Amino acid sequence: MNTVPANHGWNWVLTGFALFRKSPAMWAFLTLSYIMLMQILGMIPVIGWFAATVLIPAFSASFMIASRELDQGRKLGFDMLFSGFRSNLPALLRQGGFYLASGLVILGLSALVDGGLLMQMMVFGEKPPAAAFENGSLAGAAMLAGALYMPVLAAFWFAPALSIWRELPATQALFYSFFATLSNWRAFFTYGLALVLLGIICSLTLFVLALLVRGLLGNKSQNAFILVMLPVMLTYVPTLFASFYASYRDVFAPPNDPAIAENGSTAGPS
């Protein structure tokens, strides 16, 4: 395990975008297929949300594998979407079970703020009453859930990759992921800032394109706006997915790895 400088967080986003540019059409296809599959699962009451949550680590592994394929000069195919299911699947499903349990605990604690409205919205798909938005209880619950989610995110960040490439069991992968993320908090802080900046750029791009569409189509611009939003989203999300791999390659590659040495990272605990 390596401890890298803060500026590597910015490099992860740049590397993610570079990997996206190697195969943008297939990246967009894989991302859209994943989103649609999750939406279909989400349409199944309760069970669908449980299933989608449990499968997140397996799909995360798939996008890690896809990123590595591109990084090593190979081409992507549709089978990449399910490639994570062929590598240490029991560990990935156990991770998914832990992820589901963590989510339920967090939503349960958020109920102390809003009386369970956030949980009902996330799990059962129930629309919160207008009063929850007006009095700020739903926003407060979301903020509490977000704060509680941060250590969970740290534990799951590298865990799928550690299980498929280092064959670690679920709990051990979660343990190493948490402390690897914690020891590289400076790089992750910079990474978060870089993602915010990328989000602002994408939002500004979307806003300008929306204005152009409105000017050209007038009242018919409502449906066209979705077509404008789609390519922006299908650039940001694959870049995000590929940046996960970039962070893993930096932190868990051997200290003498050329990709690490070139960027000047320092060896940490192993």
Protein backbone atom coordinates (compact mmCIF):
# COMPACT_ATOMS: atom_id res chain seq x y z
CA MET A 1 0.00 0.00 0.00
CA ASN A 2 1.30 3.45 -0.94
CA THR A 3 0.72 6.89 0.52
CA VAL A 4 0.56 9.39 -2.32
CA PRO A 5 0.81 13.21 -2.36
CA ALA A 6 -2.29 15.40 -2.41
CA ASN A 7 -1.96 16.34 -6.08
CA HIS A 8 -2.56 12.73 -7.10
CA GLY A 9 -6.25 13.25 -6.37
CA TRP A 10 -6.36 15.60 -9.34
CA ASN A 11 -4.43 13.08 -11.44
CA TRP A 12 -7.04 10.42 -10.72
CA VAL A 13 -9.70 12.51 -12.42
CA LEU A 14 -7.40 13.28 -15.36
CA THR A 15 -6.56 9.59 -15.71
CA GLY A 16 -10.25 8.71 -15.54
CA PHE A 17 -11.00 11.10 -18.38
CA ALA A 18 -8.06 9.77 -20.39
CA LEU A 19 -9.38 6.22 -20.01
CA PHE A 20 -12.85 7.39 -21.04
CA ARG A 21 -11.42 8.99 -24.19
CA LYS A 22 -9.90 5.65 -25.24
CA SER A 23 -13.34 4.14 -25.82
CA PRO A 24 -16.09 6.76 -25.26
CA ALA A 25 -18.84 4.93 -27.17
CA MET A 26 -18.40 1.65 -25.28
CA TRP A 27 -18.00 3.50 -21.96
CA ALA A 28 -21.28 5.31 -22.62
CA PHE A 29 -22.98 2.05 -23.59
CA LEU A 30 -21.77 0.21 -20.48
CA THR A 31 -22.68 3.09 -18.18
CA LEU A 32 -26.13 3.52 -19.68
CA SER A 33 -26.76 -0.23 -19.49
CA TYR A 34 -25.74 -0.24 -15.83
CA ILE A 35 -27.99 2.71 -14.99
CA MET A 36 -30.96 1.17 -16.82
CA LEU A 37 -30.44 -2.17 -15.09
CA MET A 38 -30.37 -0.48 -11.69
CA GLN A 39 -33.49 1.49 -12.58
CA ILE A 40 -35.30 -1.71 -13.55
CA LEU A 41 -34.32 -3.36 -10.28
CA GLY A 42 -35.41 -0.23 -8.42
CA MET A 43 -38.90 -0.56 -9.89
CA ILE A 44 -39.40 -3.77 -7.88
CA PRO A 45 -40.78 -2.69 -4.48
CA VAL A 46 -38.34 -3.10 -1.58
CA ILE A 47 -36.65 -6.25 -2.90
CA GLY A 48 -35.37 -4.36 -5.93
CA TRP A 49 -33.58 -1.78 -3.79
CA PHE A 50 -32.08 -4.53 -1.64
CA ALA A 51 -30.86 -6.46 -4.71
CA ALA A 52 -29.44 -3.38 -6.42
CA THR A 53 -27.54 -2.40 -3.29
CA VAL A 54 -26.06 -5.88 -2.79
CA LEU A 55 -24.86 -5.96 -6.41
CA ILE A 56 -23.04 -2.59 -6.28
CA PRO A 57 -19.61 -4.08 -5.33
CA ALA A 58 -19.81 -6.63 -8.17
CA PHE A 59 -20.59 -3.92 -10.71
CA SER A 60 -17.89 -1.72 -9.21
CA ALA A 61 -15.46 -4.58 -9.83
CA SER A 62 -16.70 -4.77 -13.43
CA PHE A 63 -15.88 -1.13 -14.07
CA MET A 64 -12.50 -1.60 -12.39
CA ILE A 65 -11.74 -4.47 -14.76
CA ALA A 66 -12.95 -2.44 -17.76
CA SER A 67 -10.64 0.41 -16.77
CA ARG A 68 -7.68 -1.93 -16.44
CA GLU A 69 -8.40 -3.43 -19.86
CA LEU A 70 -8.17 0.02 -21.43
CA ASP A 71 -5.15 0.94 -19.33
CA GLN A 72 -3.34 -2.12 -20.68
CA GLY A 73 -4.24 -1.35 -24.29
CA ARG A 74 -7.07 -3.82 -24.78
CA LYS A 75 -10.56 -3.16 -26.13
CA LEU A 76 -13.84 -3.13 -24.24
CA GLY A 77 -16.82 -5.34 -24.98
CA PHE A 78 -20.32 -5.56 -23.55
CA ASP A 79 -19.24 -8.58 -21.48
CA MET A 80 -17.20 -6.17 -19.34
CA LEU A 81 -20.40 -5.09 -17.60
CA PHE A 82 -20.59 -8.48 -15.87
CA SER A 83 -16.87 -9.25 -15.66
CA GLY A 84 -16.87 -8.55 -11.91
CA PHE A 85 -19.29 -11.42 -11.39
CA ARG A 86 -16.62 -13.85 -12.57
CA SER A 87 -13.98 -12.84 -10.01
CA ASN A 88 -14.34 -13.80 -6.33
CA LEU A 89 -18.11 -13.29 -6.46
CA PRO A 90 -18.76 -14.67 -2.93
CA ALA A 91 -16.55 -11.94 -1.41
CA LEU A 92 -18.23 -9.26 -3.55
CA LEU A 93 -21.70 -10.41 -2.54
CA ARG A 94 -20.68 -10.39 1.13
CA GLN A 95 -19.43 -6.85 0.62
CA GLY A 96 -22.82 -6.06 -0.89
CA GLY A 97 -24.51 -7.49 2.18
CA PHE A 98 -22.36 -5.31 4.44
CA TYR A 99 -23.13 -2.34 2.20
CA LEU A 100 -26.86 -3.00 2.49
CA ALA A 101 -26.67 -3.38 6.27
CA SER A 102 -24.66 -0.15 6.56
CA GLY A 103 -27.20 1.69 4.43
CA LEU A 104 -30.10 0.48 6.55
CA VAL A 105 -28.33 1.51 9.76
CA ILE A 106 -27.59 4.97 8.34
CA LEU A 107 -31.16 5.43 7.14
CA GLY A 108 -32.41 4.22 10.52
CA LEU A 109 -30.31 6.85 12.30
CA SER A 110 -31.50 9.53 9.88
CA ALA A 111 -35.05 8.73 11.02
CA LEU A 112 -34.17 10.46 14.30
CA VAL A 113 -34.24 13.72 12.33
CA ASP A 114 -37.13 13.30 9.87
CA GLY A 115 -39.18 10.47 11.37
CA GLY A 116 -38.15 7.99 8.68
CA LEU A 117 -39.13 10.00 5.59
CA LEU A 118 -35.71 9.60 3.94
CA MET A 119 -35.81 5.85 4.52
CA GLN A 120 -39.30 5.58 3.08
CA MET A 121 -38.20 7.53 0.01
CA MET A 122 -35.05 5.48 -0.57
CA VAL A 123 -36.39 2.01 0.22
CA PHE A 124 -40.09 2.20 -0.59
CA GLY A 125 -40.06 4.98 -3.20
CA GLU A 126 -42.59 7.06 -1.27
CA LYS A 127 -42.63 10.78 -2.02
CA PRO A 128 -42.06 12.91 1.11
CA PRO A 129 -44.74 15.48 1.99
CA ALA A 130 -44.12 19.12 1.08
CA ALA A 131 -43.80 20.00 4.77
CA ALA A 132 -40.62 17.89 5.01
CA PHE A 133 -38.96 20.14 2.44
CA GLU A 134 -40.29 23.33 3.98
CA ASN A 135 -39.24 22.66 7.57
CA GLY A 136 -35.83 21.31 6.58
CA SER A 137 -36.23 17.95 8.29
CA LEU A 138 -35.56 16.00 5.10
CA ALA A 139 -32.48 18.10 4.34
CA GLY A 140 -31.22 17.57 7.89
CA ALA A 141 -31.70 13.82 7.60
CA ALA A 142 -29.87 13.79 4.27
CA MET A 143 -26.96 15.73 5.77
CA LEU A 144 -26.72 13.34 8.70
CA ALA A 145 -26.88 10.35 6.36
CA GLY A 146 -24.16 11.87 4.18
CA ALA A 147 -21.86 12.41 7.15
CA LEU A 148 -22.39 8.85 8.40
CA TYR A 149 -21.83 7.50 4.89
CA MET A 150 -18.29 8.88 4.58
CA PRO A 151 -16.53 6.15 6.65
CA VAL A 152 -18.65 3.54 4.88
CA LEU A 153 -17.53 4.92 1.53
CA ALA A 154 -13.90 4.73 2.68
CA ALA A 155 -14.32 1.07 3.62
CA PHE A 156 -15.86 0.17 0.26
CA TRP A 157 -13.70 2.37 -2.00
CA PHE A 158 -10.95 -0.16 -2.74
CA ALA A 159 -12.67 -3.26 -1.39
CA PRO A 160 -14.03 -4.70 -4.68
CA ALA A 161 -10.64 -4.34 -6.39
CA LEU A 162 -8.85 -5.92 -3.43
CA SER A 163 -11.18 -8.92 -3.56
CA ILE A 164 -10.88 -9.52 -7.31
CA TRP A 165 -7.18 -8.78 -7.80
CA ARG A 166 -5.70 -9.69 -4.41
CA GLU A 167 -8.34 -12.33 -3.58
CA LEU A 168 -8.98 -10.87 -0.13
CA PRO A 169 -12.11 -11.96 1.74
CA ALA A 170 -14.79 -9.32 2.21
CA THR A 171 -13.97 -8.19 5.75
CA GLN A 172 -10.23 -8.02 5.12
CA ALA A 173 -10.76 -6.03 1.91
CA LEU A 174 -13.01 -3.57 3.75
CA PHE A 175 -10.43 -3.20 6.52
CA TYR A 176 -7.53 -2.45 4.16
CA SER A 177 -9.68 -0.14 2.05
CA PHE A 178 -10.69 1.94 5.04
CA PHE A 179 -7.17 2.49 6.31
CA ALA A 180 -5.76 3.02 2.81
CA THR A 181 -8.32 5.75 2.23
CA LEU A 182 -7.68 7.25 5.64
CA SER A 183 -3.90 7.35 5.13
CA ASN A 184 -4.43 9.04 1.76
CA TRP A 185 -6.95 11.62 2.98
CA ARG A 186 -5.02 14.50 1.41
CA ALA A 187 -5.23 12.96 -2.05
CA PHE A 188 -8.92 12.16 -1.53
CA PHE A 189 -9.59 15.73 -0.42
CA THR A 190 -8.02 17.01 -3.63
CA TYR A 191 -9.91 14.35 -5.57
CA GLY A 192 -13.20 15.59 -4.12
CA LEU A 193 -12.36 19.16 -5.12
CA ALA A 194 -11.48 17.97 -8.63
CA LEU A 195 -14.81 16.15 -8.95
CA VAL A 196 -16.67 19.27 -7.82
CA LEU A 197 -14.78 21.31 -10.43
CA LEU A 198 -15.56 18.74 -13.11
CA GLY A 199 -19.22 18.81 -12.04
CA ILE A 200 -19.28 22.61 -12.37
CA ILE A 201 -17.74 22.40 -15.85
CA CYS A 202 -20.30 19.79 -16.90
CA SER A 203 -23.14 21.88 -15.43
CA LEU A 204 -21.97 25.01 -17.27
CA THR A 205 -21.66 23.02 -20.49
CA LEU A 206 -25.16 21.67 -20.00
CA PHE A 207 -26.50 25.17 -19.28
CA VAL A 208 -24.97 26.63 -22.45
CA LEU A 209 -26.22 23.73 -24.58
CA ALA A 210 -29.67 24.06 -23.03
CA LEU A 211 -29.77 27.75 -23.95
CA LEU A 212 -28.79 26.91 -27.52
CA VAL A 213 -31.46 24.23 -27.75
CA ARG A 214 -34.10 26.57 -26.32
CA GLY A 215 -33.12 29.27 -28.79
CA LEU A 216 -33.30 26.90 -31.74
CA LEU A 217 -36.39 24.90 -30.83
CA GLY A 218 -38.42 27.20 -28.58
CA ASN A 219 -41.36 25.40 -26.99
CA LYS A 220 -40.19 22.06 -28.36
CA SER A 221 -36.96 22.19 -26.36
CA GLN A 222 -38.24 20.15 -23.38
CA ASN A 223 -37.55 16.71 -24.92
CA ALA A 224 -34.43 17.92 -26.71
CA PHE A 225 -32.98 19.00 -23.36
CA ILE A 226 -32.84 15.35 -22.29
CA LEU A 227 -30.81 14.55 -25.39
CA VAL A 228 -28.42 17.36 -24.48
CA MET A 229 -28.12 16.18 -20.88
CA LEU A 230 -27.39 12.57 -21.87
CA PRO A 231 -23.93 13.05 -23.45
CA VAL A 232 -22.84 15.29 -20.56
CA MET A 233 -23.89 12.65 -18.04
CA LEU A 234 -22.31 9.88 -20.11
CA THR A 235 -19.01 11.75 -19.97
CA TYR A 236 -19.02 12.58 -16.26
CA VAL A 237 -20.12 9.18 -14.94
CA PRO A 238 -17.61 7.02 -16.92
CA THR A 239 -14.83 9.45 -15.98
CA LEU A 240 -15.88 8.98 -12.36
CA PHE A 241 -15.89 5.18 -12.67
CA ALA A 242 -12.48 5.13 -14.36
CA SER A 243 -11.04 7.44 -11.70
CA PHE A 244 -11.78 4.76 -9.09
CA TYR A 245 -9.36 2.49 -10.91
CA ALA A 246 -6.79 5.28 -11.14
CA SER A 247 -6.89 5.71 -7.36
CA TYR A 248 -6.46 1.96 -6.82
CA ARG A 249 -3.53 1.80 -9.25
CA ASP A 250 -1.84 4.61 -7.34
CA VAL A 251 -2.41 3.36 -3.82
CA PHE A 252 -2.09 -0.41 -4.17
CA ALA A 253 0.44 -0.82 -6.98
CA PRO A 254 3.91 -1.95 -5.83
CA PRO A 255 6.21 0.97 -4.92
CA ASN A 256 8.49 0.16 -7.89
CA ASP A 257 5.62 0.24 -10.40
CA PRO A 258 6.62 2.59 -13.26
CA ALA A 259 3.23 4.31 -13.18
CA ILE A 260 3.74 5.12 -9.50
CA ALA A 261 7.37 6.10 -9.73
CA GLU A 262 6.64 8.47 -12.61
CA ASN A 263 4.13 10.38 -10.49
CA GLY A 264 6.41 10.48 -7.48
CA SER A 265 4.31 8.71 -4.85
CA THR A 266 5.84 7.53 -1.61
CA ALA A 267 5.64 4.05 -0.19
CA GLY A 268 3.51 3.68 2.91
CA PRO A 269 2.38 0.78 5.07
CA SER A 270 1.91 -2.52 3.31
